[in-house]
Amino acid sequence: MRVSLKIAEPIKTANLSDSLARRIRLALGRFEALIERTHVFLDHEANSGNRRNCRCRLKISLRSAQGFFIEIRDPDAESAVRRAIDRAAWLVREHVEERTRDF
């Protein structure tokens, strides 16, 4: 499984990149045979007020034709990333269970 990270400058830190890659591998590592590539885009999204939400967009390309796209917005970057990865792990697990039910 290849992991691609793109983090916007205002929230880019060395430990965030490392922890993000490690968190992805922990959550999705058991599905490594099914996942071809994982892209993570992390940036800020301006909204109407003074608050800025962090937006985490996660795209998972499976070796089969199907893939998943998840977008989570949260004021905290770590929380947005954690929620997106948790959702991704849930979606991939559901996909695997659905495929095994068919057999």
PDB file of N, CA and C in Angstrom:
ATOM      1  N   MET A   1       0.854  -1.169   0.000  1.00  0.00           N
ATOM      2  CA  MET A   1       0.000   0.000   0.000  1.00  0.00           C
ATOM      3  C   MET A   1       0.898   1.230   0.000  1.00  0.00           C
ATOM      4  N   ARG A   2       0.690   2.083  -0.983  1.00  0.00           N
ATOM      5  CA  ARG A   2       1.434   3.331  -1.042  1.00  0.00           C
ATOM      6  C   ARG A   2       0.592   4.438  -0.405  1.00  0.00           C
ATOM      7  N   VAL A   3       1.252   5.291   0.363  1.00  0.00           N
ATOM      8  CA  VAL A   3       0.569   6.389   1.043  1.00  0.00           C
ATOM      9  C   VAL A   3       1.143   7.707   0.531  1.00  0.00           C
ATOM     10  N   SER A   4       0.262   8.577   0.078  1.00  0.00           N
ATOM     11  CA  SER A   4       0.648   9.902  -0.411  1.00  0.00           C
ATOM     12  C   SER A   4       0.030  10.950   0.500  1.00  0.00           C
ATOM     13  N   LEU A   5       0.858  11.868   1.018  1.00  0.00           N
ATOM     14  CA  LEU A   5       0.383  12.917   1.928  1.00  0.00           C
ATOM     15  C   LEU A   5       0.616  14.284   1.310  1.00  0.00           C
ATOM     16  N   LYS A   6      -0.403  15.118   1.346  1.00  0.00           N
ATOM     17  CA  LYS A   6      -0.266  16.513   0.943  1.00  0.00           C
ATOM     18  C   LYS A   6      -0.880  17.356   2.045  1.00  0.00           C
ATOM     19  N   ILE A   7      -0.027  18.110   2.731  1.00  0.00           N
ATOM     20  CA  ILE A   7      -0.475  18.896   3.879  1.00  0.00           C
ATOM     21  C   ILE A   7      -0.174  20.364   3.592  1.00  0.00           C
ATOM     22  N   ALA A   8      -1.169  21.218   3.761  1.00  0.00           N
ATOM     23  CA  ALA A   8      -1.010  22.646   3.527  1.00  0.00           C
ATOM     24  C   ALA A   8      -0.011  23.240   4.522  1.00  0.00           C
ATOM     25  N   GLU A   9       0.686  24.253   4.101  1.00  0.00           N
ATOM     26  CA  GLU A   9       1.739  24.867   4.914  1.00  0.00           C
ATOM     27  C   GLU A   9       1.328  25.324   6.310  1.00  0.00           C
ATOM     28  N   PRO A  10       0.183  26.000   6.501  1.00  0.00           N
ATOM     29  CA  PRO A  10      -0.111  26.479   7.859  1.00  0.00           C
ATOM     30  C   PRO A  10      -0.241  25.368   8.900  1.00  0.00           C
ATOM     31  N   ILE A  11      -0.568  24.156   8.472  1.00  0.00           N
ATOM     32  CA  ILE A  11      -0.734  23.074   9.441  1.00  0.00           C
ATOM     33  C   ILE A  11       0.344  22.014   9.301  1.00  0.00           C
ATOM     34  N   LYS A  12       1.311  22.250   8.429  1.00  0.00           N
ATOM     35  CA  LYS A  12       2.340  21.250   8.179  1.00  0.00           C
ATOM     36  C   LYS A  12       3.379  21.262   9.294  1.00  0.00           C
ATOM     37  N   THR A  13       3.542  20.110   9.912  1.00  0.00           N
ATOM     38  CA  THR A  13       4.595  19.918  10.906  1.00  0.00           C
ATOM     39  C   THR A  13       5.201  18.547  10.667  1.00  0.00           C
ATOM     40  N   ALA A  14       6.432  18.373  11.074  1.00  0.00           N
ATOM     41  CA  ALA A  14       7.118  17.102  10.838  1.00  0.00           C
ATOM     42  C   ALA A  14       6.426  15.958  11.558  1.00  0.00           C
ATOM     43  N   ASN A  15       6.053  16.163  12.809  1.00  0.00           N
ATOM     44  CA  ASN A  15       5.446  15.058  13.556  1.00  0.00           C
ATOM     45  C   ASN A  15       4.035  14.748  13.067  1.00  0.00           C
ATOM     46  N   LEU A  16       3.332  15.712  12.479  1.00  0.00           N
ATOM     47  CA  LEU A  16       2.003  15.432  11.929  1.00  0.00           C
ATOM     48  C   LEU A  16       2.121  14.489  10.738  1.00  0.00           C
ATOM     49  N   SER A  17       3.080  14.712   9.864  1.00  0.00           N
ATOM     50  CA  SER A  17       3.273  13.834   8.709  1.00  0.00           C
ATOM     51  C   SER A  17       3.611  12.417   9.151  1.00  0.00           C
ATOM     52  N   ASP A  18       4.510  12.302  10.112  1.00  0.00           N
ATOM     53  CA  ASP A  18       4.909  10.982  10.604  1.00  0.00           C
ATOM     54  C   ASP A  18       3.750  10.271  11.296  1.00  0.00           C
ATOM     55  N   SER A  19       3.045  10.986  12.160  1.00  0.00           N
ATOM     56  CA  SER A  19       1.945  10.347  12.889  1.00  0.00           C
ATOM     57  C   SER A  19       0.804   9.998  11.953  1.00  0.00           C
ATOM     58  N   LEU A  20       0.579  10.805  10.920  1.00  0.00           N
ATOM     59  CA  LEU A  20      -0.467  10.524   9.953  1.00  0.00           C
ATOM     60  C   LEU A  20      -0.171   9.240   9.180  1.00  0.00           C
ATOM     61  N   ALA A  21       1.037   9.098   8.678  1.00  0.00           N
ATOM     62  CA  ALA A  21       1.416   7.882   7.947  1.00  0.00           C
ATOM     63  C   ALA A  21       1.344   6.654   8.855  1.00  0.00           C
ATOM     64  N   ARG A  22       1.803   6.795  10.091  1.00  0.00           N
ATOM     65  CA  ARG A  22       1.765   5.674  11.039  1.00  0.00           C
ATOM     66  C   ARG A  22       0.328   5.289  11.364  1.00  0.00           C
ATOM     67  N   ARG A  23      -0.540   6.281  11.559  1.00  0.00           N
ATOM     68  CA  ARG A  23      -1.940   6.021  11.881  1.00  0.00           C
ATOM     69  C   ARG A  23      -2.649   5.304  10.715  1.00  0.00           C
ATOM     70  N   ILE A  24      -2.340   5.706   9.492  1.00  0.00           N
ATOM     71  CA  ILE A  24      -2.932   5.054   8.315  1.00  0.00           C
ATOM     72  C   ILE A  24      -2.502   3.600   8.249  1.00  0.00           C
ATOM     73  N   ARG A  25      -1.223   3.366   8.442  1.00  0.00           N
ATOM     74  CA  ARG A  25      -0.726   1.978   8.368  1.00  0.00           C
ATOM     75  C   ARG A  25      -1.303   1.106   9.483  1.00  0.00           C
ATOM     76  N   LEU A  26      -1.504   1.662  10.665  1.00  0.00           N
ATOM     77  CA  LEU A  26      -2.108   0.897  11.756  1.00  0.00           C
ATOM     78  C   LEU A  26      -3.572   0.574  11.467  1.00  0.00           C
ATOM     79  N   ALA A  27      -4.314   1.553  10.968  1.00  0.00           N
ATOM     80  CA  ALA A  27      -5.747   1.359  10.741  1.00  0.00           C
ATOM     81  C   ALA A  27      -6.038   0.514   9.507  1.00  0.00           C
ATOM     82  N   LEU A  28      -5.217   0.632   8.475  1.00  0.00           N
ATOM     83  CA  LEU A  28      -5.519  -0.038   7.211  1.00  0.00           C
ATOM     84  C   LEU A  28      -4.528  -1.134   6.842  1.00  0.00           C
ATOM     85  N   GLY A  29      -3.526  -1.353   7.664  1.00  0.00           N
ATOM     86  CA  GLY A  29      -2.483  -2.326   7.349  1.00  0.00           C
ATOM     87  C   GLY A  29      -2.991  -3.734   7.113  1.00  0.00           C
ATOM     88  N   ARG A  30      -4.024  -4.130   7.842  1.00  0.00           N
ATOM     89  CA  ARG A  30      -4.543  -5.496   7.663  1.00  0.00           C
ATOM     90  C   ARG A  30      -5.224  -5.671   6.313  1.00  0.00           C
ATOM     91  N   PHE A  31      -5.548  -4.560   5.649  1.00  0.00           N
ATOM     92  CA  PHE A  31      -6.171  -4.613   4.331  1.00  0.00           C
ATOM     93  C   PHE A  31      -5.174  -4.276   3.224  1.00  0.00           C
ATOM     94  N   GLU A  32      -3.903  -4.336   3.533  1.00  0.00           N
ATOM     95  CA  GLU A  32      -2.867  -3.919   2.597  1.00  0.00           C
ATOM     96  C   GLU A  32      -2.932  -4.652   1.262  1.00  0.00           C
ATOM     97  N   ALA A  33      -3.327  -5.902   1.262  1.00  0.00           N
ATOM     98  CA  ALA A  33      -3.422  -6.669   0.017  1.00  0.00           C
ATOM     99  C   ALA A  33      -4.521  -6.128  -0.896  1.00  0.00           C
ATOM    100  N   LEU A  34      -5.520  -5.469  -0.343  1.00  0.00           N
ATOM    101  CA  LEU A  34      -6.631  -4.932  -1.132  1.00  0.00           C
ATOM    102  C   LEU A  34      -6.406  -3.499  -1.586  1.00  0.00           C
ATOM    103  N   ILE A  35      -5.601  -2.741  -0.846  1.00  0.00           N
ATOM    104  CA  ILE A  35      -5.440  -1.306  -1.099  1.00  0.00           C
ATOM    105  C   ILE A  35      -4.210  -1.062  -1.952  1.00  0.00           C
ATOM    106  N   GLU A  36      -4.441  -0.388  -3.057  1.00  0.00           N
ATOM    107  CA  GLU A  36      -3.323  -0.040  -3.930  1.00  0.00           C
ATOM    108  C   GLU A  36      -2.641   1.247  -3.470  1.00  0.00           C
ATOM    109  N   ARG A  37      -3.447   2.279  -3.193  1.00  0.00           N
ATOM    110  CA  ARG A  37      -2.888   3.573  -2.837  1.00  0.00           C
ATOM    111  C   ARG A  37      -3.844   4.321  -1.921  1.00  0.00           C
ATOM    112  N   THR A  38      -3.274   5.110  -1.022  1.00  0.00           N
ATOM    113  CA  THR A  38      -4.043   5.980  -0.142  1.00  0.00           C
ATOM    114  C   THR A  38      -3.505   7.396  -0.268  1.00  0.00           C
ATOM    115  N   HIS A  39      -4.375   8.333  -0.631  1.00  0.00           N
ATOM    116  CA  HIS A  39      -4.011   9.749  -0.745  1.00  0.00           C
ATOM    117  C   HIS A  39      -4.680  10.504   0.393  1.00  0.00           C
ATOM    118  N   VAL A  40      -3.921  11.368   1.057  1.00  0.00           N
ATOM    119  CA  VAL A  40      -4.475  12.217   2.113  1.00  0.00           C
ATOM    120  C   VAL A  40      -4.135  13.662   1.788  1.00  0.00           C
ATOM    121  N   PHE A  41      -5.166  14.499   1.749  1.00  0.00           N
ATOM    122  CA  PHE A  41      -5.009  15.932   1.523  1.00  0.00           C
ATOM    123  C   PHE A  41      -5.522  16.644   2.761  1.00  0.00           C
ATOM    124  N   LEU A  42      -4.696  17.456   3.359  1.00  0.00           N
ATOM    125  CA  LEU A  42      -5.064  18.151   4.587  1.00  0.00           C
ATOM    126  C   LEU A  42      -4.831  19.646   4.380  1.00  0.00           C
ATOM    127  N   ASP A  43      -5.902  20.438   4.512  1.00  0.00           N
ATOM    128  CA  ASP A  43      -5.774  21.875   4.349  1.00  0.00           C
ATOM    129  C   ASP A  43      -6.809  22.593   5.195  1.00  0.00           C
ATOM    130  N   HIS A  44      -6.752  23.922   5.174  1.00  0.00           N
ATOM    131  CA  HIS A  44      -7.731  24.736   5.890  1.00  0.00           C
ATOM    132  C   HIS A  44      -8.810  25.167   4.928  1.00  0.00           C
ATOM    133  N   GLU A  45      -9.998  25.252   5.447  1.00  0.00           N
ATOM    134  CA  GLU A  45     -11.141  25.693   4.661  1.00  0.00           C
ATOM    135  C   GLU A  45     -11.696  26.942   5.319  1.00  0.00           C
ATOM    136  N   ALA A  46     -11.730  28.021   4.584  1.00  0.00           N
ATOM    137  CA  ALA A  46     -12.277  29.261   5.128  1.00  0.00           C
ATOM    138  C   ALA A  46     -13.794  29.185   5.118  1.00  0.00           C
ATOM    139  N   ASN A  47     -14.406  29.625   6.201  1.00  0.00           N
ATOM    140  CA  ASN A  47     -15.866  29.700   6.236  1.00  0.00           C
ATOM    141  C   ASN A  47     -16.280  31.125   6.569  1.00  0.00           C
ATOM    142  N   SER A  48     -17.552  31.367   6.660  1.00  0.00           N
ATOM    143  CA  SER A  48     -18.064  32.733   6.757  1.00  0.00           C
ATOM    144  C   SER A  48     -17.629  33.478   8.021  1.00  0.00           C
ATOM    145  N   GLY A  49     -17.421  32.791   9.106  1.00  0.00           N
ATOM    146  CA  GLY A  49     -17.025  33.457  10.355  1.00  0.00           C
ATOM    147  C   GLY A  49     -15.518  33.567  10.467  1.00  0.00           C
ATOM    148  N   ASN A  50     -15.058  33.832  11.668  1.00  0.00           N
ATOM    149  CA  ASN A  50     -13.621  33.908  11.918  1.00  0.00           C
ATOM    150  C   ASN A  50     -12.997  32.532  12.094  1.00  0.00           C
ATOM    151  N   ARG A  51     -13.823  31.518  12.299  1.00  0.00           N
ATOM    152  CA  ARG A  51     -13.303  30.155  12.499  1.00  0.00           C
ATOM    153  C   ARG A  51     -12.850  29.569  11.183  1.00  0.00           C
ATOM    154  N   ARG A  52     -11.795  28.791  11.256  1.00  0.00           N
ATOM    155  CA  ARG A  52     -11.318  28.064  10.077  1.00  0.00           C
ATOM    156  C   ARG A  52     -11.340  26.590  10.401  1.00  0.00           C
ATOM    157  N   ASN A  53     -11.984  25.838   9.557  1.00  0.00           N
ATOM    158  CA  ASN A  53     -12.018  24.394   9.727  1.00  0.00           C
ATOM    159  C   ASN A  53     -10.870  23.756   8.971  1.00  0.00           C
ATOM    160  N   CYS A  54     -10.363  22.691   9.536  1.00  0.00           N
ATOM    161  CA  CYS A  54      -9.389  21.876   8.842  1.00  0.00           C
ATOM    162  C   CYS A  54     -10.180  20.863   8.024  1.00  0.00           C
ATOM    163  N   ARG A  55      -9.766  20.654   6.788  1.00  0.00           N
ATOM    164  CA  ARG A  55     -10.458  19.701   5.922  1.00  0.00           C
ATOM    165  C   ARG A  55      -9.494  18.567   5.589  1.00  0.00           C
ATOM    166  N   CYS A  56      -9.912  17.355   5.881  1.00  0.00           N
ATOM    167  CA  CYS A  56      -9.129  16.171   5.566  1.00  0.00           C
ATOM    168  C   CYS A  56      -9.879  15.389   4.497  1.00  0.00           C
ATOM    169  N   ARG A  57      -9.259  15.264   3.341  1.00  0.00           N
ATOM    170  CA  ARG A  57      -9.833  14.479   2.248  1.00  0.00           C
ATOM    171  C   ARG A  57      -8.958  13.247   2.064  1.00  0.00           C
ATOM    172  N   LEU A  58      -9.566  12.092   2.118  1.00  0.00           N
ATOM    173  CA  LEU A  58      -8.846  10.831   2.050  1.00  0.00           C
ATOM    174  C   LEU A  58      -9.421  10.010   0.904  1.00  0.00           C
ATOM    175  N   LYS A  59      -8.568   9.596   0.004  1.00  0.00           N
ATOM    176  CA  LYS A  59      -8.994   8.785  -1.136  1.00  0.00           C
ATOM    177  C   LYS A  59      -8.262   7.457  -1.077  1.00  0.00           C
ATOM    178  N   ILE A  60      -9.029   6.380  -1.117  1.00  0.00           N
ATOM    179  CA  ILE A  60      -8.455   5.043  -1.086  1.00  0.00           C
ATOM    180  C   ILE A  60      -8.746   4.375  -2.426  1.00  0.00           C
ATOM    181  N   SER A  61      -7.692   3.960  -3.096  1.00  0.00           N
ATOM    182  CA  SER A  61      -7.829   3.229  -4.350  1.00  0.00           C
ATOM    183  C   SER A  61      -7.593   1.750  -4.059  1.00  0.00           C
ATOM    184  N   LEU A  62      -8.612   0.957  -4.311  1.00  0.00           N
ATOM    185  CA  LEU A  62      -8.494  -0.483  -4.098  1.00  0.00           C
ATOM    186  C   LEU A  62      -7.960  -1.147  -5.356  1.00  0.00           C
ATOM    187  N   ARG A  63      -7.432  -2.333  -5.209  1.00  0.00           N
ATOM    188  CA  ARG A  63      -6.937  -3.074  -6.364  1.00  0.00           C
ATOM    189  C   ARG A  63      -8.090  -3.482  -7.286  1.00  0.00           C
ATOM    190  N   SER A  64      -9.272  -3.614  -6.718  1.00  0.00           N
ATOM    191  CA  SER A  64     -10.464  -3.831  -7.548  1.00  0.00           C
ATOM    192  C   SER A  64     -10.878  -2.474  -8.113  1.00  0.00           C
ATOM    193  N   ALA A  65     -11.920  -2.404  -8.857  1.00  0.00           N
ATOM    194  CA  ALA A  65     -12.348  -1.163  -9.507  1.00  0.00           C
ATOM    195  C   ALA A  65     -12.911  -0.143  -8.517  1.00  0.00           C
ATOM    196  N   GLN A  66     -13.400  -0.614  -7.390  1.00  0.00           N
ATOM    197  CA  GLN A  66     -14.053   0.281  -6.438  1.00  0.00           C
ATOM    198  C   GLN A  66     -13.029   1.004  -5.564  1.00  0.00           C
ATOM    199  N   GLY A  67     -13.366   2.222  -5.174  1.00  0.00           N
ATOM    200  CA  GLY A  67     -12.531   2.990  -4.267  1.00  0.00           C
ATOM    201  C   GLY A  67     -13.419   3.826  -3.369  1.00  0.00           C
ATOM    202  N   PHE A  68     -12.816   4.558  -2.451  1.00  0.00           N
ATOM    203  CA  PHE A  68     -13.580   5.362  -1.503  1.00  0.00           C
ATOM    204  C   PHE A  68     -12.996   6.766  -1.426  1.00  0.00           C
ATOM    205  N   PHE A  69     -13.867   7.746  -1.224  1.00  0.00           N
ATOM    206  CA  PHE A  69     -13.453   9.125  -0.999  1.00  0.00           C
ATOM    207  C   PHE A  69     -14.163   9.617   0.253  1.00  0.00           C
ATOM    208  N   ILE A  70     -13.399  10.137   1.193  1.00  0.00           N
ATOM    209  CA  ILE A  70     -13.944  10.595   2.468  1.00  0.00           C
ATOM    210  C   ILE A  70     -13.490  12.034   2.667  1.00  0.00           C
ATOM    211  N   GLU A  71     -14.403  12.881   3.118  1.00  0.00           N
ATOM    212  CA  GLU A  71     -14.056  14.260   3.429  1.00  0.00           C
ATOM    213  C   GLU A  71     -14.620  14.608   4.804  1.00  0.00           C
ATOM    214  N   ILE A  72     -13.740  15.033   5.692  1.00  0.00           N
ATOM    215  CA  ILE A  72     -14.113  15.377   7.068  1.00  0.00           C
ATOM    216  C   ILE A  72     -13.633  16.803   7.357  1.00  0.00           C
ATOM    217  N   ARG A  73     -14.500  17.574   7.988  1.00  0.00           N
ATOM    218  CA  ARG A  73     -14.139  18.933   8.410  1.00  0.00           C
ATOM    219  C   ARG A  73     -14.204  19.004   9.936  1.00  0.00           C
ATOM    220  N   ASP A  74     -13.194  19.625  10.522  1.00  0.00           N
ATOM    221  CA  ASP A  74     -13.138  19.759  11.971  1.00  0.00           C
ATOM    222  C   ASP A  74     -12.221  20.934  12.301  1.00  0.00           C
ATOM    223  N   PRO A  75     -12.480  21.672  13.378  1.00  0.00           N
ATOM    224  CA  PRO A  75     -11.569  22.763  13.753  1.00  0.00           C
ATOM    225  C   PRO A  75     -10.156  22.269  14.088  1.00  0.00           C
ATOM    226  N   ASP A  76     -10.028  21.048  14.539  1.00  0.00           N
ATOM    227  CA  ASP A  76      -8.742  20.485  14.930  1.00  0.00           C
ATOM    228  C   ASP A  76      -8.235  19.531  13.850  1.00  0.00           C
ATOM    229  N   ALA A  77      -7.001  19.730  13.384  1.00  0.00           N
ATOM    230  CA  ALA A  77      -6.430  18.901  12.317  1.00  0.00           C
ATOM    231  C   ALA A  77      -6.322  17.434  12.733  1.00  0.00           C
ATOM    232  N   GLU A  78      -5.825  17.187  13.931  1.00  0.00           N
ATOM    233  CA  GLU A  78      -5.671  15.806  14.408  1.00  0.00           C
ATOM    234  C   GLU A  78      -7.011  15.082  14.455  1.00  0.00           C
ATOM    235  N   SER A  79      -8.035  15.773  14.904  1.00  0.00           N
ATOM    236  CA  SER A  79      -9.364  15.179  14.997  1.00  0.00           C
ATOM    237  C   SER A  79      -9.923  14.874  13.605  1.00  0.00           C
ATOM    238  N   ALA A  80      -9.726  15.775  12.660  1.00  0.00           N
ATOM    239  CA  ALA A  80     -10.192  15.544  11.297  1.00  0.00           C
ATOM    240  C   ALA A  80      -9.516  14.321  10.686  1.00  0.00           C
ATOM    241  N   VAL A  81      -8.211  14.213  10.894  1.00  0.00           N
ATOM    242  CA  VAL A  81      -7.456  13.077  10.366  1.00  0.00           C
ATOM    243  C   VAL A  81      -7.920  11.777  11.015  1.00  0.00           C
ATOM    244  N   ARG A  82      -8.050  11.785  12.320  1.00  0.00           N
ATOM    245  CA  ARG A  82      -8.464  10.577  13.047  1.00  0.00           C
ATOM    246  C   ARG A  82      -9.837  10.106  12.583  1.00  0.00           C
ATOM    247  N   ARG A  83     -10.773  11.034  12.451  1.00  0.00           N
ATOM    248  CA  ARG A  83     -12.125  10.667  12.012  1.00  0.00           C
ATOM    249  C   ARG A  83     -12.130  10.136  10.581  1.00  0.00           C
ATOM    250  N   ALA A  84     -11.344  10.737   9.700  1.00  0.00           N
ATOM    251  CA  ALA A  84     -11.289  10.274   8.306  1.00  0.00           C
ATOM    252  C   ALA A  84     -10.689   8.873   8.213  1.00  0.00           C
ATOM    253  N   ILE A  85      -9.632   8.624   8.963  1.00  0.00           N
ATOM    254  CA  ILE A  85      -8.993   7.304   8.929  1.00  0.00           C
ATOM    255  C   ILE A  85      -9.907   6.252   9.543  1.00  0.00           C
ATOM    256  N   ASP A  86     -10.585   6.596  10.628  1.00  0.00           N
ATOM    257  CA  ASP A  86     -11.536   5.651  11.232  1.00  0.00           C
ATOM    258  C   ASP A  86     -12.653   5.302  10.248  1.00  0.00           C
ATOM    259  N   ARG A  87     -13.168   6.308   9.551  1.00  0.00           N
ATOM    260  CA  ARG A  87     -14.216   6.066   8.566  1.00  0.00           C
ATOM    261  C   ARG A  87     -13.697   5.201   7.417  1.00  0.00           C
ATOM    262  N   ALA A  88     -12.469   5.462   6.986  1.00  0.00           N
ATOM    263  CA  ALA A  88     -11.872   4.674   5.904  1.00  0.00           C
ATOM    264  C   ALA A  88     -11.723   3.206   6.303  1.00  0.00           C
ATOM    265  N   ALA A  89     -11.243   2.975   7.513  1.00  0.00           N
ATOM    266  CA  ALA A  89     -11.088   1.592   7.989  1.00  0.00           C
ATOM    267  C   ALA A  89     -12.442   0.894   8.043  1.00  0.00           C
ATOM    268  N   TRP A  90     -13.468   1.601   8.488  1.00  0.00           N
ATOM    269  CA  TRP A  90     -14.808   1.027   8.553  1.00  0.00           C
ATOM    270  C   TRP A  90     -15.316   0.682   7.147  1.00  0.00           C
ATOM    271  N   LEU A  91     -15.128   1.593   6.187  1.00  0.00           N
ATOM    272  CA  LEU A  91     -15.595   1.345   4.818  1.00  0.00           C
ATOM    273  C   LEU A  91     -14.890   0.157   4.176  1.00  0.00           C
ATOM    274  N   VAL A  92     -13.585   0.069   4.355  1.00  0.00           N
ATOM    275  CA  VAL A  92     -12.844  -1.047   3.769  1.00  0.00           C
ATOM    276  C   VAL A  92     -13.256  -2.354   4.430  1.00  0.00           C
ATOM    277  N   ARG A  93     -13.426  -2.350   5.751  1.00  0.00           N
ATOM    278  CA  ARG A  93     -13.868  -3.562   6.446  1.00  0.00           C
ATOM    279  C   ARG A  93     -15.244  -4.000   5.955  1.00  0.00           C
ATOM    280  N   GLU A  94     -16.166  -3.058   5.787  1.00  0.00           N
ATOM    281  CA  GLU A  94     -17.497  -3.387   5.263  1.00  0.00           C
ATOM    282  C   GLU A  94     -17.406  -3.952   3.846  1.00  0.00           C
ATOM    283  N   HIS A  95     -16.529  -3.397   3.048  1.00  0.00           N
ATOM    284  CA  HIS A  95     -16.332  -3.896   1.682  1.00  0.00           C
ATOM    285  C   HIS A  95     -15.846  -5.343   1.703  1.00  0.00           C
ATOM    286  N   VAL A  96     -14.892  -5.631   2.578  1.00  0.00           N
ATOM    287  CA  VAL A  96     -14.353  -7.001   2.686  1.00  0.00           C
ATOM    288  C   VAL A  96     -15.444  -7.953   3.160  1.00  0.00           C
ATOM    289  N   GLU A  97     -16.204  -7.559   4.176  1.00  0.00           N
ATOM    290  CA  GLU A  97     -17.255  -8.427   4.689  1.00  0.00           C
ATOM    291  C   GLU A  97     -18.342  -8.666   3.648  1.00  0.00           C
ATOM    292  N   GLU A  98     -18.644  -7.661   2.858  1.00  0.00           N
ATOM    293  CA  GLU A  98     -19.659  -7.825   1.802  1.00  0.00           C
ATOM    294  C   GLU A  98     -19.159  -8.798   0.735  1.00  0.00           C
ATOM    295  N   ARG A  99     -17.898  -8.723   0.402  1.00  0.00           N
ATOM    296  CA  ARG A  99     -17.336  -9.650  -0.596  1.00  0.00           C
ATOM    297  C   ARG A  99     -17.332 -11.077  -0.068  1.00  0.00           C
ATOM    298  N   THR A 100     -17.063 -11.277   1.227  1.00  0.00           N
ATOM    299  CA  THR A 100     -17.024 -12.633   1.767  1.00  0.00           C
ATOM    300  C   THR A 100     -18.413 -13.215   1.930  1.00  0.00           C
ATOM    301  N   ARG A 101     -19.427 -12.373   2.123  1.00  0.00           N
ATOM    302  CA  ARG A 101     -20.810 -12.865   2.212  1.00  0.00           C
ATOM    303  C   ARG A 101     -21.289 -13.405   0.882  1.00  0.00           C
ATOM    304  N   ASP A 102     -20.778 -12.833  -0.206  1.00  0.00           N
ATOM    305  CA  ASP A 102     -21.203 -13.247  -1.527  1.00  0.00           C
ATOM    306  C   ASP A 102     -20.708 -14.644  -1.890  1.00  0.00           C
ATOM    307  N   PHE A 103     -19.684 -15.129  -1.198  1.00  0.00           N
ATOM    308  CA  PHE A 103     -19.140 -16.447  -1.544  1.00  0.00           C
ATOM    309  C   PHE A 103     -19.773 -17.516  -0.736  1.00  0.00           C
TER     310      PHE A 103
END
